[in-house]
Amino acid sequence: MKSDSQLKQDVTAELQWEPSVHAAQIGVEVADGVVTLSGEVSSYYEKWNAERAAQRVQGVRALAVEMKVKLSALGHRTDADIAQSAQHILNWNSLLPPGAVKVLVENGWITLSGVLPWQYQRQSAADAVHSLPGVTGVSNQIAIQPTVSASAIKSDIEVALRRRATTDGMNIAVDVQGGDVTLTGPVHSWSERELATRSAWGSAGVHKVVDRMNLVL
């Protein structure tokens, strides 16, 4: 198990390795394996990539994000401009049914809503607007429409977990109520946790995944 000082060094190094992040502007503190990122970044896209970089580091038990997005003078755009850009890029996304995703922008913060059949479509919509200039945050409120039975969802997810498991010790319990999936059990890294979550979202009809997995290092 890594010490807090080693974990701080590794997170700092990973931030410096990530080309989309200005690591010098981001503070890193670690206490009992919980990493806190602070400071100011110039875009929501940079903030999002900094979070992802920290989560990639082995040994991170939890992540607290205290970074703020401070747009430059050139980065400021009106909400109307951002909304128009977001709607255009979503309309051009071949993975999305035309008109299925609605856009609301307030003070640079984008809220996506609507109903889609698959999680990969929901994620694609959010990914499409992350890097738009002027964006200060993204809330993905797109719902997933259940299309199959709870038992079929549970079976699909359990099979996917076994197929994709990186270690023999990956033992995740799957509970399905309607389209809501709850995952419990031990995982040994953030990547293993993300793998389990992605596997759950990969089943048709899933519209919510509750992560109650325990990170055991």
Protein backbone atom coordinates (compact mmCIF):
# COMPACT_ATOMS: atom_id res chain seq x y z
CA MET A 1 0.00 0.00 0.00
CA LYS A 2 1.37 3.41 -0.98
CA SER A 3 2.08 6.08 1.61
CA ASP A 4 0.32 9.43 1.28
CA SER A 5 3.59 11.09 0.25
CA GLN A 6 4.18 8.51 -2.50
CA LEU A 7 0.59 8.82 -3.66
CA LYS A 8 0.96 12.60 -3.86
CA GLN A 9 4.08 12.22 -5.97
CA ASP A 10 2.35 9.76 -8.30
CA VAL A 11 -0.78 11.91 -8.77
CA THR A 12 1.37 14.99 -9.40
CA ALA A 13 3.42 13.06 -11.96
CA GLU A 14 0.26 11.80 -13.70
CA LEU A 15 -1.09 15.35 -13.93
CA GLN A 16 2.21 16.48 -15.45
CA TRP A 17 2.01 13.57 -17.90
CA GLU A 18 -1.49 14.54 -19.07
CA PRO A 19 -1.01 16.99 -22.00
CA SER A 20 -4.41 18.68 -21.62
CA VAL A 21 -3.69 19.75 -18.03
CA HIS A 22 -1.54 22.62 -16.71
CA ALA A 23 -0.28 20.73 -13.68
CA ALA A 24 1.48 23.73 -12.15
CA GLN A 25 -1.93 25.34 -11.52
CA ILE A 26 -3.34 22.34 -9.65
CA GLY A 27 -2.65 21.62 -5.99
CA VAL A 28 -2.54 18.03 -4.74
CA GLU A 29 -3.09 16.99 -1.13
CA VAL A 30 -3.44 13.42 0.18
CA ALA A 31 -4.76 12.17 3.52
CA ASP A 32 -5.37 8.46 4.19
CA GLY A 33 -5.49 7.73 0.45
CA VAL A 34 -8.05 10.48 -0.25
CA VAL A 35 -6.75 12.87 -2.90
CA THR A 36 -7.88 16.51 -3.01
CA LEU A 37 -7.33 18.56 -6.16
CA SER A 38 -7.49 22.34 -5.84
CA GLY A 39 -6.62 25.45 -7.83
CA GLU A 40 -7.94 27.16 -10.93
CA VAL A 41 -8.13 25.78 -14.46
CA SER A 42 -8.99 27.59 -17.67
CA SER A 43 -11.74 25.25 -18.92
CA TYR A 44 -14.15 22.57 -17.81
CA TYR A 45 -12.41 20.17 -20.20
CA GLU A 46 -9.13 20.65 -18.33
CA LYS A 47 -10.88 20.12 -14.99
CA TRP A 48 -12.49 16.91 -16.26
CA ASN A 49 -9.17 15.58 -17.58
CA ALA A 50 -7.42 16.38 -14.29
CA GLU A 51 -10.02 14.33 -12.41
CA ARG A 52 -9.59 11.43 -14.80
CA ALA A 53 -5.79 11.60 -14.50
CA ALA A 54 -5.93 11.40 -10.70
CA GLN A 55 -8.30 8.43 -10.82
CA ARG A 56 -5.88 6.52 -13.04
CA VAL A 57 -3.28 6.37 -10.26
CA GLN A 58 -3.15 3.09 -8.36
CA GLY A 59 -3.85 3.55 -4.64
CA VAL A 60 -6.29 6.48 -4.83
CA ARG A 61 -9.14 5.55 -2.47
CA ALA A 62 -11.33 8.60 -3.11
CA LEU A 63 -11.13 11.93 -4.90
CA ALA A 64 -12.26 15.36 -3.67
CA VAL A 65 -12.42 18.06 -6.34
CA GLU A 66 -12.03 21.67 -5.24
CA MET A 67 -10.82 23.04 -8.56
CA LYS A 68 -12.57 26.05 -10.03
CA VAL A 69 -13.01 26.90 -13.70
CA LYS A 70 -11.84 30.46 -14.36
CA LEU A 71 -12.31 31.39 -18.00
CA SER A 72 -9.93 33.79 -19.67
CA ALA A 73 -11.25 36.98 -21.22
CA LEU A 74 -11.14 35.27 -24.63
CA GLY A 75 -12.88 32.20 -23.24
CA HIS A 76 -16.10 33.93 -22.18
CA ARG A 77 -19.16 33.30 -24.35
CA THR A 78 -22.83 34.01 -23.91
CA ASP A 79 -25.13 31.21 -22.84
CA ALA A 80 -26.95 31.54 -26.16
CA ASP A 81 -23.71 31.00 -28.10
CA ILE A 82 -22.80 27.95 -26.01
CA ALA A 83 -26.29 26.48 -26.37
CA GLN A 84 -26.21 26.93 -30.13
CA SER A 85 -22.77 25.28 -30.40
CA ALA A 86 -23.87 22.40 -28.18
CA GLN A 87 -27.00 21.80 -30.21
CA HIS A 88 -25.05 21.85 -33.46
CA ILE A 89 -22.46 19.34 -32.26
CA LEU A 90 -25.18 17.04 -30.92
CA ASN A 91 -27.08 17.23 -34.20
CA TRP A 92 -23.92 16.16 -36.02
CA ASN A 93 -23.36 13.19 -33.68
CA SER A 94 -24.28 10.10 -35.69
CA LEU A 95 -24.78 8.05 -32.50
CA LEU A 96 -27.75 10.16 -31.37
CA PRO A 97 -31.33 10.12 -32.71
CA PRO A 98 -32.20 13.56 -34.12
CA GLY A 99 -33.76 15.81 -31.49
CA ALA A 100 -33.44 13.28 -28.66
CA VAL A 101 -31.16 15.44 -26.48
CA LYS A 102 -32.19 18.83 -25.12
CA VAL A 103 -29.72 21.52 -24.06
CA LEU A 104 -30.02 24.10 -21.28
CA VAL A 105 -27.19 26.55 -20.52
CA GLU A 106 -26.99 28.79 -17.47
CA ASN A 107 -23.84 30.76 -16.60
CA GLY A 108 -21.82 28.51 -18.89
CA TRP A 109 -23.12 25.31 -17.24
CA ILE A 110 -24.67 22.85 -19.71
CA THR A 111 -27.52 20.58 -18.64
CA LEU A 112 -28.43 17.75 -21.02
CA SER A 113 -31.84 16.09 -20.84
CA GLY A 114 -33.97 13.70 -22.88
CA VAL A 115 -34.38 9.93 -23.22
CA LEU A 116 -32.05 7.49 -25.02
CA PRO A 117 -32.03 3.68 -25.26
CA TRP A 118 -28.32 3.16 -24.52
CA GLN A 119 -25.73 4.42 -22.02
CA TYR A 120 -23.05 4.74 -24.74
CA GLN A 121 -25.32 7.29 -26.45
CA ARG A 122 -25.82 9.14 -23.17
CA GLN A 123 -22.06 9.25 -22.60
CA SER A 124 -21.39 10.28 -26.20
CA ALA A 125 -23.67 13.30 -25.79
CA ALA A 126 -21.81 14.46 -22.67
CA ASP A 127 -18.39 13.85 -24.25
CA ALA A 128 -19.40 15.93 -27.26
CA VAL A 129 -19.95 19.12 -25.21
CA HIS A 130 -17.15 18.77 -22.59
CA SER A 131 -14.59 20.63 -24.64
CA LEU A 132 -16.74 23.46 -26.02
CA PRO A 133 -15.24 26.91 -25.34
CA GLY A 134 -16.93 28.81 -22.52
CA VAL A 135 -18.31 25.75 -20.74
CA THR A 136 -17.92 25.80 -16.94
CA GLY A 137 -19.61 22.46 -16.18
CA VAL A 138 -21.81 19.68 -17.57
CA SER A 139 -24.78 17.92 -15.92
CA ASN A 140 -25.89 14.80 -17.77
CA GLN A 141 -29.56 14.26 -16.90
CA ILE A 142 -30.40 12.16 -19.96
CA ALA A 143 -32.53 9.18 -18.95
CA ILE A 144 -32.17 5.62 -20.27
CA GLN A 145 -35.40 3.95 -21.34
CA PRO A 146 -35.64 0.35 -20.03
CA THR A 147 -36.40 -2.10 -22.83
CA VAL A 148 -35.72 -5.53 -21.28
CA SER A 149 -36.56 -7.42 -18.07
CA ALA A 150 -34.62 -7.00 -14.83
CA SER A 151 -33.56 -10.68 -14.86
CA ALA A 152 -32.17 -10.31 -18.39
CA ILE A 153 -30.25 -7.18 -17.38
CA LYS A 154 -28.78 -8.95 -14.33
CA SER A 155 -27.73 -11.98 -16.38
CA ASP A 156 -26.14 -9.84 -19.10
CA ILE A 157 -24.12 -7.83 -16.57
CA GLU A 158 -22.90 -10.87 -14.64
CA VAL A 159 -21.74 -12.54 -17.83
CA ALA A 160 -19.96 -9.34 -18.93
CA LEU A 161 -18.23 -9.02 -15.55
CA ARG A 162 -16.91 -12.59 -15.74
CA ARG A 163 -15.80 -12.09 -19.32
CA ARG A 164 -13.96 -8.84 -18.63
CA ALA A 165 -12.56 -9.53 -15.14
CA THR A 166 -8.87 -8.63 -14.89
CA THR A 167 -8.32 -10.80 -11.79
CA ASP A 168 -9.81 -14.01 -10.41
CA GLY A 169 -10.68 -12.11 -7.24
CA MET A 170 -13.14 -9.79 -8.96
CA ASN A 171 -16.37 -10.72 -7.22
CA ILE A 172 -19.09 -8.12 -7.76
CA ALA A 173 -22.71 -8.72 -6.74
CA VAL A 174 -25.36 -7.34 -9.12
CA ASP A 175 -28.84 -6.32 -7.97
CA VAL A 176 -31.40 -5.04 -10.49
CA GLN A 177 -34.65 -3.27 -9.69
CA GLY A 178 -36.37 -2.18 -12.88
CA GLY A 179 -33.62 -0.41 -14.79
CA ASP A 180 -31.65 0.48 -11.61
CA VAL A 181 -28.47 -1.57 -11.08
CA THR A 182 -26.61 -1.70 -7.75
CA LEU A 183 -23.06 -3.06 -7.67
CA THR A 184 -21.54 -4.24 -4.38
CA GLY A 185 -18.37 -6.09 -3.45
CA PRO A 186 -14.61 -5.48 -3.32
CA VAL A 187 -12.52 -3.95 -6.11
CA HIS A 188 -8.77 -3.50 -6.03
CA SER A 189 -8.27 -0.37 -8.17
CA TRP A 190 -10.12 2.52 -9.79
CA SER A 191 -9.66 0.85 -13.16
CA GLU A 192 -11.34 -2.32 -11.88
CA ARG A 193 -14.17 -0.21 -10.44
CA GLU A 194 -14.57 1.61 -13.75
CA LEU A 195 -14.56 -1.71 -15.60
CA ALA A 196 -17.42 -3.01 -13.44
CA THR A 197 -19.40 0.21 -13.88
CA ARG A 198 -18.90 0.22 -17.65
CA SER A 199 -19.98 -3.41 -17.81
CA ALA A 200 -23.20 -2.55 -15.99
CA TRP A 201 -23.93 0.39 -18.26
CA GLY A 202 -23.29 -1.81 -21.31
CA SER A 203 -26.51 -3.77 -20.86
CA ALA A 204 -29.63 -2.59 -22.70
CA GLY A 205 -32.28 -1.09 -20.43
CA VAL A 206 -29.98 0.16 -17.66
CA HIS A 207 -30.82 3.75 -16.75
CA LYS A 208 -29.03 4.05 -13.39
CA VAL A 209 -25.97 2.42 -11.84
CA VAL A 210 -25.41 2.73 -8.07
CA ASP A 211 -21.77 2.13 -7.10
CA ARG A 212 -21.56 0.60 -3.62
CA MET A 213 -18.32 -1.24 -4.30
CA ASN A 214 -15.53 -1.07 -1.72
CA LEU A 215 -12.02 -0.16 -2.80
CA VAL A 216 -9.68 -2.65 -1.12
CA LEU A 217 -5.99 -1.96 -1.62
